[in-house]
């Protein structure tokens, strides 16, 4: 016999069970995150296909066009609104400008700033792409959920979005 008392054996089994429960809980968290990433990838893939097919836009083109307000925006402020570095955004704005979708200007009161505005063609394209975005999000994501599920996700992701990592 190993010399282990019944109490010691119970303690060992208890610790082992606790470790297994902790491992299972961590695995469940990772599985949920993985599901979020897979759904995100599926929606983005469909958006990319639709934007390319319907509008000749990439996801980054759409993100940029849809984040330029009606009156325009300073390029530096636009960098805060989109998911691109400042240099990548500058190159993208160059391409959009060559396509006639945006125009740049320098405000007379601040020669260091660059202002970006949608052209009328850019505004029409942005509005059409915004409708495509809504159609795809509904079809691939939202229509598969009940109203309570959507509200719950909205609450959860709204809270996570508002939190700042330490």
N, C-alpha and C. Protein backbone atom coordinates (compact mmCIF):
# COMPACT_ATOMS: atom_id res chain seq x y z
N UNK A 1 0.83 -1.19 0.00
CA UNK A 1 0.00 0.00 0.00
C UNK A 1 0.88 1.25 0.00
N UNK A 2 0.41 2.33 -0.55
CA UNK A 2 1.23 3.53 -0.73
C UNK A 2 1.40 4.34 0.54
N UNK A 3 0.69 4.04 1.54
CA UNK A 3 0.80 4.79 2.77
C UNK A 3 -0.09 6.03 2.78
N UNK A 4 -0.89 6.20 1.74
CA UNK A 4 -1.77 7.36 1.63
C UNK A 4 -3.05 7.08 2.42
N UNK A 5 -3.46 8.02 3.22
CA UNK A 5 -4.69 7.85 3.99
C UNK A 5 -5.88 8.15 3.09
N UNK A 6 -7.03 7.75 3.55
CA UNK A 6 -8.25 8.02 2.79
C UNK A 6 -8.46 9.52 2.59
N UNK A 7 -8.15 10.30 3.59
CA UNK A 7 -8.28 11.76 3.49
C UNK A 7 -7.33 12.35 2.47
N UNK A 8 -6.11 11.84 2.46
CA UNK A 8 -5.12 12.33 1.49
C UNK A 8 -5.53 11.97 0.07
N UNK A 9 -6.07 10.77 -0.10
CA UNK A 9 -6.55 10.34 -1.42
C UNK A 9 -7.71 11.22 -1.88
N UNK A 10 -8.60 11.54 -0.95
CA UNK A 10 -9.73 12.43 -1.29
C UNK A 10 -9.22 13.81 -1.69
N UNK A 11 -8.22 14.32 -0.97
CA UNK A 11 -7.64 15.64 -1.29
C UNK A 11 -7.01 15.62 -2.70
N UNK A 12 -6.28 14.54 -2.99
CA UNK A 12 -5.65 14.42 -4.30
C UNK A 12 -6.70 14.38 -5.41
N UNK A 13 -7.75 13.60 -5.22
CA UNK A 13 -8.84 13.52 -6.23
C UNK A 13 -9.53 14.87 -6.36
N UNK A 14 -9.70 15.56 -5.26
CA UNK A 14 -10.35 16.87 -5.28
C UNK A 14 -9.51 17.88 -6.06
N UNK A 15 -8.20 17.88 -5.80
CA UNK A 15 -7.31 18.80 -6.54
C UNK A 15 -7.29 18.46 -8.02
N UNK A 16 -7.27 17.18 -8.33
CA UNK A 16 -7.28 16.74 -9.73
C UNK A 16 -8.58 17.17 -10.41
N UNK A 17 -9.69 17.02 -9.72
CA UNK A 17 -10.99 17.43 -10.27
C UNK A 17 -11.03 18.94 -10.48
N UNK A 18 -10.45 19.68 -9.54
CA UNK A 18 -10.42 21.15 -9.66
C UNK A 18 -9.58 21.57 -10.86
N UNK A 19 -8.43 20.91 -11.07
CA UNK A 19 -7.59 21.23 -12.22
C UNK A 19 -8.32 20.92 -13.53
N UNK A 20 -9.02 19.79 -13.57
CA UNK A 20 -9.77 19.42 -14.78
C UNK A 20 -10.89 20.42 -15.04
N UNK A 21 -11.58 20.84 -13.97
CA UNK A 21 -12.66 21.82 -14.14
C UNK A 21 -12.11 23.15 -14.64
N UNK A 22 -10.96 23.57 -14.10
CA UNK A 22 -10.33 24.81 -14.55
C UNK A 22 -9.91 24.70 -16.01
N UNK A 23 -9.33 23.57 -16.39
CA UNK A 23 -8.92 23.35 -17.77
C UNK A 23 -10.13 23.37 -18.70
N UNK A 24 -11.23 22.71 -18.28
CA UNK A 24 -12.44 22.70 -19.09
C UNK A 24 -13.03 24.10 -19.24
N UNK A 25 -12.99 24.89 -18.17
CA UNK A 25 -13.51 26.26 -18.23
C UNK A 25 -12.67 27.11 -19.17
N UNK A 26 -11.34 26.97 -19.11
CA UNK A 26 -10.47 27.71 -20.03
C UNK A 26 -10.72 27.30 -21.46
N UNK A 27 -10.86 25.99 -21.69
CA UNK A 27 -11.12 25.49 -23.03
C UNK A 27 -12.45 26.05 -23.56
N UNK A 28 -13.46 26.12 -22.70
CA UNK A 28 -14.76 26.67 -23.12
C UNK A 28 -14.62 28.14 -23.52
N UNK A 29 -13.82 28.91 -22.79
CA UNK A 29 -13.60 30.32 -23.12
C UNK A 29 -12.93 30.45 -24.49
N UNK A 30 -11.91 29.62 -24.71
CA UNK A 30 -11.19 29.67 -25.98
C UNK A 30 -12.11 29.23 -27.12
N UNK A 31 -12.95 28.23 -26.87
CA UNK A 31 -13.90 27.77 -27.90
C UNK A 31 -14.88 28.87 -28.29
N UNK A 32 -15.36 29.63 -27.30
CA UNK A 32 -16.26 30.75 -27.60
C UNK A 32 -15.53 31.78 -28.45
N UNK A 33 -14.31 32.13 -28.06
CA UNK A 33 -13.53 33.11 -28.82
C UNK A 33 -13.31 32.62 -30.24
N UNK A 34 -12.99 31.34 -30.38
CA UNK A 34 -12.77 30.77 -31.71
C UNK A 34 -14.03 30.89 -32.55
N UNK A 35 -15.19 30.66 -31.96
CA UNK A 35 -16.46 30.81 -32.68
C UNK A 35 -16.67 32.24 -33.14
N UNK A 36 -16.34 33.19 -32.27
CA UNK A 36 -16.46 34.61 -32.65
C UNK A 36 -15.57 34.90 -33.86
N UNK A 37 -14.34 34.41 -33.83
CA UNK A 37 -13.41 34.65 -34.95
C UNK A 37 -13.92 34.00 -36.23
N UNK A 38 -14.47 32.79 -36.14
CA UNK A 38 -14.96 32.10 -37.33
C UNK A 38 -16.16 32.83 -37.94
N UNK A 39 -17.07 33.30 -37.09
CA UNK A 39 -18.22 34.07 -37.60
C UNK A 39 -17.73 35.37 -38.23
N UNK A 40 -16.81 36.05 -37.57
CA UNK A 40 -16.24 37.29 -38.10
C UNK A 40 -15.61 37.04 -39.47
N UNK A 41 -14.82 35.98 -39.58
CA UNK A 41 -14.16 35.66 -40.86
C UNK A 41 -15.20 35.36 -41.94
N UNK A 42 -16.25 34.65 -41.60
CA UNK A 42 -17.29 34.32 -42.58
C UNK A 42 -17.99 35.59 -43.08
N UNK A 43 -18.35 36.47 -42.15
CA UNK A 43 -19.02 37.72 -42.54
C UNK A 43 -18.08 38.59 -43.37
N UNK A 44 -16.83 38.74 -42.93
CA UNK A 44 -15.87 39.55 -43.69
C UNK A 44 -15.63 38.99 -45.08
N UNK A 45 -15.52 37.66 -45.19
CA UNK A 45 -15.32 37.05 -46.50
C UNK A 45 -16.48 37.35 -47.45
N UNK A 46 -17.69 37.25 -46.93
CA UNK A 46 -18.86 37.55 -47.77
C UNK A 46 -18.91 39.04 -48.11
N UNK A 47 -18.58 39.89 -47.15
CA UNK A 47 -18.55 41.34 -47.43
C UNK A 47 -17.51 41.65 -48.51
N UNK A 48 -16.34 41.06 -48.40
CA UNK A 48 -15.28 41.30 -49.39
C UNK A 48 -15.76 40.90 -50.79
N UNK A 49 -16.39 39.72 -50.88
CA UNK A 49 -16.91 39.27 -52.19
C UNK A 49 -17.96 40.23 -52.74
N UNK A 50 -18.89 40.62 -51.89
CA UNK A 50 -19.97 41.51 -52.34
C UNK A 50 -19.44 42.90 -52.69
N UNK A 51 -18.55 43.45 -51.86
CA UNK A 51 -18.00 44.78 -52.17
C UNK A 51 -17.23 44.75 -53.49
N UNK A 52 -16.45 43.70 -53.70
CA UNK A 52 -15.67 43.60 -54.93
C UNK A 52 -16.60 43.45 -56.13
N UNK A 53 -17.55 42.54 -56.02
CA UNK A 53 -18.45 42.25 -57.14
C UNK A 53 -19.37 43.43 -57.46
N UNK A 54 -20.01 43.96 -56.46
CA UNK A 54 -21.00 45.03 -56.69
C UNK A 54 -20.39 46.41 -56.88
N UNK A 55 -19.27 46.68 -56.18
CA UNK A 55 -18.80 48.07 -56.13
C UNK A 55 -17.33 48.27 -56.48
N UNK A 56 -16.58 47.20 -56.69
CA UNK A 56 -15.16 47.33 -56.98
C UNK A 56 -14.38 47.88 -55.79
N UNK A 57 -14.81 47.54 -54.57
CA UNK A 57 -14.18 48.03 -53.35
C UNK A 57 -13.61 46.89 -52.53
N UNK A 58 -12.56 47.19 -51.78
CA UNK A 58 -12.06 46.26 -50.77
C UNK A 58 -12.74 46.62 -49.44
N UNK A 59 -12.52 45.77 -48.45
CA UNK A 59 -13.03 46.07 -47.10
C UNK A 59 -12.44 47.40 -46.60
N UNK A 60 -11.15 47.60 -46.82
CA UNK A 60 -10.50 48.84 -46.36
C UNK A 60 -11.04 50.05 -47.10
N UNK A 61 -11.32 49.90 -48.40
CA UNK A 61 -11.93 51.01 -49.16
C UNK A 61 -13.28 51.37 -48.53
N UNK A 62 -14.08 50.34 -48.27
CA UNK A 62 -15.40 50.58 -47.67
C UNK A 62 -15.26 51.23 -46.30
N UNK A 63 -14.38 50.68 -45.47
CA UNK A 63 -14.19 51.22 -44.12
C UNK A 63 -13.84 52.70 -44.20
N UNK A 64 -12.99 53.04 -45.11
CA UNK A 64 -12.56 54.44 -45.25
C UNK A 64 -13.70 55.31 -45.76
N UNK A 65 -14.32 54.92 -46.87
CA UNK A 65 -15.40 55.73 -47.45
C UNK A 65 -16.56 55.92 -46.46
N UNK A 66 -16.90 54.86 -45.74
CA UNK A 66 -18.05 54.95 -44.83
C UNK A 66 -17.73 55.72 -43.56
N UNK A 67 -16.46 56.04 -43.33
CA UNK A 67 -16.08 56.81 -42.15
C UNK A 67 -15.74 58.27 -42.45
N UNK A 68 -16.01 58.68 -43.68
CA UNK A 68 -15.83 60.09 -44.02
C UNK A 68 -17.19 60.77 -43.90
N UNK A 69 -17.35 61.67 -42.93
CA UNK A 69 -18.65 62.34 -42.76
C UNK A 69 -18.98 63.24 -43.95
N UNK A 70 -20.23 63.60 -44.04
CA UNK A 70 -20.72 64.41 -45.16
C UNK A 70 -19.87 65.66 -45.38
N UNK A 71 -19.48 66.34 -44.32
CA UNK A 71 -18.71 67.57 -44.47
C UNK A 71 -17.22 67.34 -44.65
N UNK A 72 -16.78 66.09 -44.61
CA UNK A 72 -15.36 65.79 -44.73
C UNK A 72 -14.72 65.62 -43.36
N UNK A 73 -13.43 65.31 -43.38
CA UNK A 73 -12.71 65.03 -42.13
C UNK A 73 -11.22 65.27 -42.34
N UNK A 74 -10.54 65.66 -41.29
CA UNK A 74 -9.09 65.76 -41.36
C UNK A 74 -8.52 64.35 -41.48
N UNK A 75 -7.49 64.20 -42.27
CA UNK A 75 -6.87 62.89 -42.49
C UNK A 75 -6.44 62.26 -41.17
N UNK A 76 -5.91 63.05 -40.26
CA UNK A 76 -5.47 62.53 -38.95
C UNK A 76 -6.66 61.97 -38.17
N UNK A 77 -7.81 62.63 -38.23
CA UNK A 77 -9.00 62.13 -37.54
C UNK A 77 -9.53 60.86 -38.21
N UNK A 78 -9.42 60.80 -39.53
CA UNK A 78 -9.85 59.60 -40.24
C UNK A 78 -9.02 58.40 -39.83
N UNK A 79 -7.75 58.62 -39.55
CA UNK A 79 -6.87 57.54 -39.09
C UNK A 79 -7.41 56.92 -37.80
N UNK A 80 -8.00 57.74 -36.94
CA UNK A 80 -8.58 57.23 -35.69
C UNK A 80 -9.88 56.46 -35.92
N UNK A 81 -10.52 56.68 -37.05
CA UNK A 81 -11.81 56.04 -37.32
C UNK A 81 -11.69 54.71 -38.05
N UNK A 82 -10.60 54.48 -38.74
CA UNK A 82 -10.46 53.26 -39.56
C UNK A 82 -9.40 52.34 -38.96
N UNK A 83 -9.38 51.12 -39.46
CA UNK A 83 -8.45 50.12 -38.93
C UNK A 83 -7.25 50.01 -39.86
N UNK A 84 -6.53 51.12 -40.01
CA UNK A 84 -5.34 51.17 -40.85
C UNK A 84 -4.33 52.11 -40.21
N UNK A 85 -3.07 51.87 -40.49
CA UNK A 85 -2.04 52.79 -40.02
C UNK A 85 -2.15 54.09 -40.82
N UNK A 86 -1.52 55.13 -40.33
CA UNK A 86 -1.57 56.42 -41.03
C UNK A 86 -0.98 56.32 -42.43
N UNK A 87 0.13 55.61 -42.58
CA UNK A 87 0.74 55.51 -43.92
C UNK A 87 -0.11 54.66 -44.86
N UNK A 88 -0.69 53.57 -44.36
CA UNK A 88 -1.56 52.74 -45.20
C UNK A 88 -2.80 53.53 -45.60
N UNK A 89 -3.36 54.31 -44.67
CA UNK A 89 -4.53 55.12 -45.00
C UNK A 89 -4.18 56.17 -46.04
N UNK A 90 -3.03 56.79 -45.92
CA UNK A 90 -2.61 57.80 -46.88
C UNK A 90 -2.51 57.20 -48.29
N UNK A 91 -1.94 56.00 -48.40
CA UNK A 91 -1.85 55.34 -49.71
C UNK A 91 -3.25 54.98 -50.23
N UNK A 92 -4.12 54.53 -49.34
CA UNK A 92 -5.48 54.18 -49.76
C UNK A 92 -6.23 55.43 -50.24
N UNK A 93 -6.08 56.53 -49.52
CA UNK A 93 -6.72 57.78 -49.94
C UNK A 93 -6.18 58.21 -51.29
N UNK A 94 -4.89 58.01 -51.55
CA UNK A 94 -4.32 58.29 -52.87
C UNK A 94 -5.07 57.51 -53.95
N UNK A 95 -5.27 56.22 -53.70
CA UNK A 95 -5.97 55.38 -54.69
C UNK A 95 -7.42 55.82 -54.87
N UNK A 96 -8.10 56.13 -53.77
CA UNK A 96 -9.49 56.58 -53.86
C UNK A 96 -9.58 57.92 -54.59
N UNK A 97 -8.59 58.77 -54.38
CA UNK A 97 -8.56 60.06 -55.07
C UNK A 97 -8.36 59.86 -56.57
N UNK A 98 -7.46 58.95 -56.95
CA UNK A 98 -7.24 58.67 -58.38
C UNK A 98 -8.52 58.12 -59.03
N UNK A 99 -9.33 57.40 -58.27
CA UNK A 99 -10.60 56.87 -58.80
C UNK A 99 -11.71 57.92 -58.82
N UNK A 100 -11.43 59.10 -58.27
CA UNK A 100 -12.44 60.16 -58.26
C UNK A 100 -13.47 60.02 -57.15
N UNK A 101 -13.15 59.26 -56.10
CA UNK A 101 -14.10 59.02 -55.02
C UNK A 101 -13.92 59.98 -53.85
N UNK A 102 -12.72 60.50 -53.67
CA UNK A 102 -12.46 61.49 -52.62
C UNK A 102 -11.61 62.60 -53.20
N UNK A 103 -11.62 63.72 -52.49
CA UNK A 103 -10.72 64.82 -52.85
C UNK A 103 -10.07 65.33 -51.58
N UNK A 104 -8.83 65.73 -51.73
CA UNK A 104 -8.09 66.29 -50.59
C UNK A 104 -7.98 67.79 -50.76
N UNK A 105 -7.89 68.45 -49.63
CA UNK A 105 -7.65 69.89 -49.65
C UNK A 105 -6.87 70.27 -48.39
N UNK A 106 -6.25 71.43 -48.43
CA UNK A 106 -5.53 71.96 -47.29
C UNK A 106 -6.31 73.17 -46.81
N UNK A 107 -6.78 73.14 -45.55
CA UNK A 107 -7.53 74.29 -45.05
C UNK A 107 -6.63 75.53 -45.01
N UNK A 108 -7.17 76.69 -45.37
CA UNK A 108 -6.35 77.91 -45.38
C UNK A 108 -5.81 78.29 -44.01
N UNK A 109 -6.50 77.85 -42.94
CA UNK A 109 -6.07 78.23 -41.59
C UNK A 109 -5.03 77.27 -40.98
N UNK A 110 -4.75 76.14 -41.68
CA UNK A 110 -3.77 75.19 -41.15
C UNK A 110 -3.12 74.44 -42.30
N UNK A 111 -2.01 74.94 -42.76
CA UNK A 111 -1.36 74.36 -43.94
C UNK A 111 -0.76 72.98 -43.68
N UNK A 112 -0.70 72.56 -42.40
CA UNK A 112 -0.17 71.23 -42.09
C UNK A 112 -1.25 70.16 -42.18
N UNK A 113 -2.49 70.56 -42.13
CA UNK A 113 -3.60 69.59 -42.13
C UNK A 113 -4.02 69.25 -43.55
N UNK A 114 -4.53 68.05 -43.70
CA UNK A 114 -5.10 67.61 -44.97
C UNK A 114 -6.54 67.21 -44.68
N UNK A 115 -7.44 67.75 -45.47
CA UNK A 115 -8.86 67.48 -45.31
C UNK A 115 -9.30 66.53 -46.42
N UNK A 116 -10.12 65.54 -46.10
CA UNK A 116 -10.59 64.57 -47.09
C UNK A 116 -12.11 64.65 -47.15
N UNK A 117 -12.62 64.78 -48.37
CA UNK A 117 -14.07 64.82 -48.60
C UNK A 117 -14.44 63.81 -49.67
N UNK A 118 -15.65 63.27 -49.54
CA UNK A 118 -16.17 62.42 -50.60
C UNK A 118 -16.59 63.30 -51.77
N UNK A 119 -16.33 62.83 -52.98
CA UNK A 119 -16.88 63.49 -54.16
C UNK A 119 -18.33 63.02 -54.29
N UNK A 120 -19.08 63.58 -55.20
CA UNK A 120 -20.46 63.11 -55.39
C UNK A 120 -20.46 61.64 -55.81
N UNK A 121 -19.51 61.26 -56.66
CA UNK A 121 -19.39 59.85 -57.06
C UNK A 121 -19.05 58.98 -55.85
N UNK A 122 -18.14 59.45 -55.00
CA UNK A 122 -17.75 58.72 -53.80
C UNK A 122 -18.92 58.59 -52.82
N UNK A 123 -19.71 59.64 -52.70
CA UNK A 123 -20.88 59.60 -51.82
C UNK A 123 -21.89 58.58 -52.30
N UNK A 124 -22.16 58.55 -53.61
CA UNK A 124 -23.10 57.57 -54.17
C UNK A 124 -22.59 56.14 -53.95
N UNK A 125 -21.31 55.94 -54.21
CA UNK A 125 -20.73 54.61 -54.03
C UNK A 125 -20.74 54.20 -52.55
N UNK A 126 -20.40 55.12 -51.66
CA UNK A 126 -20.40 54.82 -50.22
C UNK A 126 -21.80 54.43 -49.76
N UNK A 127 -22.81 55.17 -50.19
CA UNK A 127 -24.20 54.85 -49.80
C UNK A 127 -24.62 53.49 -50.32
N UNK A 128 -24.27 53.17 -51.55
CA UNK A 128 -24.61 51.86 -52.10
C UNK A 128 -23.88 50.76 -51.34
N UNK A 129 -22.62 50.98 -51.01
CA UNK A 129 -21.84 49.98 -50.28
C UNK A 129 -22.35 49.82 -48.85
N UNK A 130 -22.82 50.89 -48.25
CA UNK A 130 -23.41 50.81 -46.90
C UNK A 130 -24.66 49.93 -46.93
N UNK A 131 -25.46 50.05 -47.98
CA UNK A 131 -26.64 49.18 -48.12
C UNK A 131 -26.21 47.73 -48.31
N UNK A 132 -25.17 47.51 -49.11
CA UNK A 132 -24.64 46.15 -49.30
C UNK A 132 -24.15 45.59 -47.97
N UNK A 133 -23.45 46.40 -47.20
CA UNK A 133 -22.95 45.98 -45.89
C UNK A 133 -24.12 45.51 -45.01
N UNK A 134 -25.18 46.31 -44.96
CA UNK A 134 -26.35 45.95 -44.14
C UNK A 134 -26.98 44.66 -44.64
N UNK A 135 -27.11 44.52 -45.97
CA UNK A 135 -27.70 43.29 -46.55
C UNK A 135 -26.89 42.06 -46.14
N UNK A 136 -25.59 42.12 -46.28
CA UNK A 136 -24.73 40.98 -45.98
C UNK A 136 -24.75 40.67 -44.49
N UNK A 137 -24.64 41.69 -43.65
CA UNK A 137 -24.65 41.46 -42.20
C UNK A 137 -25.97 40.81 -41.78
N UNK A 138 -27.06 41.29 -42.34
CA UNK A 138 -28.35 40.67 -42.02
C UNK A 138 -28.40 39.22 -42.49
N UNK A 139 -28.04 38.99 -43.73
CA UNK A 139 -28.16 37.65 -44.33
C UNK A 139 -27.22 36.63 -43.68
N UNK A 140 -25.98 37.01 -43.46
CA UNK A 140 -24.97 36.05 -43.00
C UNK A 140 -24.92 35.97 -41.48
N UNK A 141 -25.39 36.99 -40.78
CA UNK A 141 -25.25 37.02 -39.33
C UNK A 141 -26.58 37.24 -38.60
N UNK A 142 -27.13 38.43 -38.71
CA UNK A 142 -28.24 38.83 -37.85
C UNK A 142 -29.52 38.02 -38.06
N UNK A 143 -29.84 37.68 -39.30
CA UNK A 143 -31.08 36.93 -39.54
C UNK A 143 -31.05 35.53 -38.97
N UNK A 144 -29.89 35.06 -38.55
CA UNK A 144 -29.75 33.72 -37.97
C UNK A 144 -29.95 33.73 -36.45
N UNK A 145 -30.19 34.92 -35.90
CA UNK A 145 -30.34 35.07 -34.46
C UNK A 145 -31.73 35.62 -34.12
N UNK A 146 -32.21 35.29 -32.94
CA UNK A 146 -33.48 35.85 -32.47
C UNK A 146 -33.24 37.27 -31.95
N UNK A 147 -34.31 38.02 -31.78
CA UNK A 147 -34.18 39.38 -31.23
C UNK A 147 -33.52 39.38 -29.85
N UNK A 148 -33.92 38.47 -28.95
CA UNK A 148 -33.24 38.46 -27.64
C UNK A 148 -31.75 38.12 -27.76
N UNK A 149 -31.39 37.23 -28.67
CA UNK A 149 -29.98 36.90 -28.87
C UNK A 149 -29.21 38.11 -29.38
N UNK A 150 -29.80 38.83 -30.33
CA UNK A 150 -29.14 40.04 -30.85
C UNK A 150 -28.96 41.09 -29.76
N UNK A 151 -30.01 41.30 -28.97
CA UNK A 151 -29.91 42.28 -27.88
C UNK A 151 -28.82 41.86 -26.88
N UNK A 152 -28.77 40.56 -26.55
CA UNK A 152 -27.76 40.08 -25.60
C UNK A 152 -26.35 40.30 -26.16
N UNK A 153 -26.15 39.95 -27.44
CA UNK A 153 -24.83 40.17 -28.05
C UNK A 153 -24.50 41.65 -28.10
N UNK A 154 -25.49 42.48 -28.41
CA UNK A 154 -25.27 43.92 -28.44
C UNK A 154 -24.83 44.45 -27.09
N UNK A 155 -25.44 43.95 -26.04
CA UNK A 155 -25.07 44.36 -24.69
C UNK A 155 -23.66 43.91 -24.35
N UNK A 156 -23.36 42.64 -24.61
CA UNK A 156 -22.06 42.08 -24.27
C UNK A 156 -20.95 42.77 -25.07
N UNK A 157 -21.11 42.85 -26.39
CA UNK A 157 -20.05 43.43 -27.20
C UNK A 157 -19.96 44.94 -27.00
N UNK A 158 -21.07 45.58 -26.70
CA UNK A 158 -21.02 47.00 -26.37
C UNK A 158 -20.17 47.25 -25.14
N UNK A 159 -20.34 46.40 -24.13
CA UNK A 159 -19.55 46.53 -22.92
C UNK A 159 -18.07 46.25 -23.20
N UNK A 160 -17.78 45.20 -23.95
CA UNK A 160 -16.39 44.86 -24.26
C UNK A 160 -15.73 45.95 -25.09
N UNK A 161 -16.48 46.53 -26.02
CA UNK A 161 -15.94 47.60 -26.86
C UNK A 161 -15.58 48.83 -26.04
N UNK A 162 -16.39 49.10 -25.04
CA UNK A 162 -16.20 50.30 -24.23
C UNK A 162 -15.04 50.15 -23.25
N UNK A 163 -14.73 48.90 -22.88
CA UNK A 163 -13.63 48.68 -21.93
C UNK A 163 -12.28 48.89 -22.60
N UNK A 164 -11.38 49.45 -21.85
CA UNK A 164 -10.01 49.66 -22.33
C UNK A 164 -9.11 48.63 -21.66
N UNK A 165 -8.30 47.93 -22.43
CA UNK A 165 -7.37 46.99 -21.79
C UNK A 165 -6.38 47.71 -20.90
N UNK A 166 -5.95 47.04 -19.88
CA UNK A 166 -4.97 47.63 -18.95
C UNK A 166 -3.62 47.77 -19.58
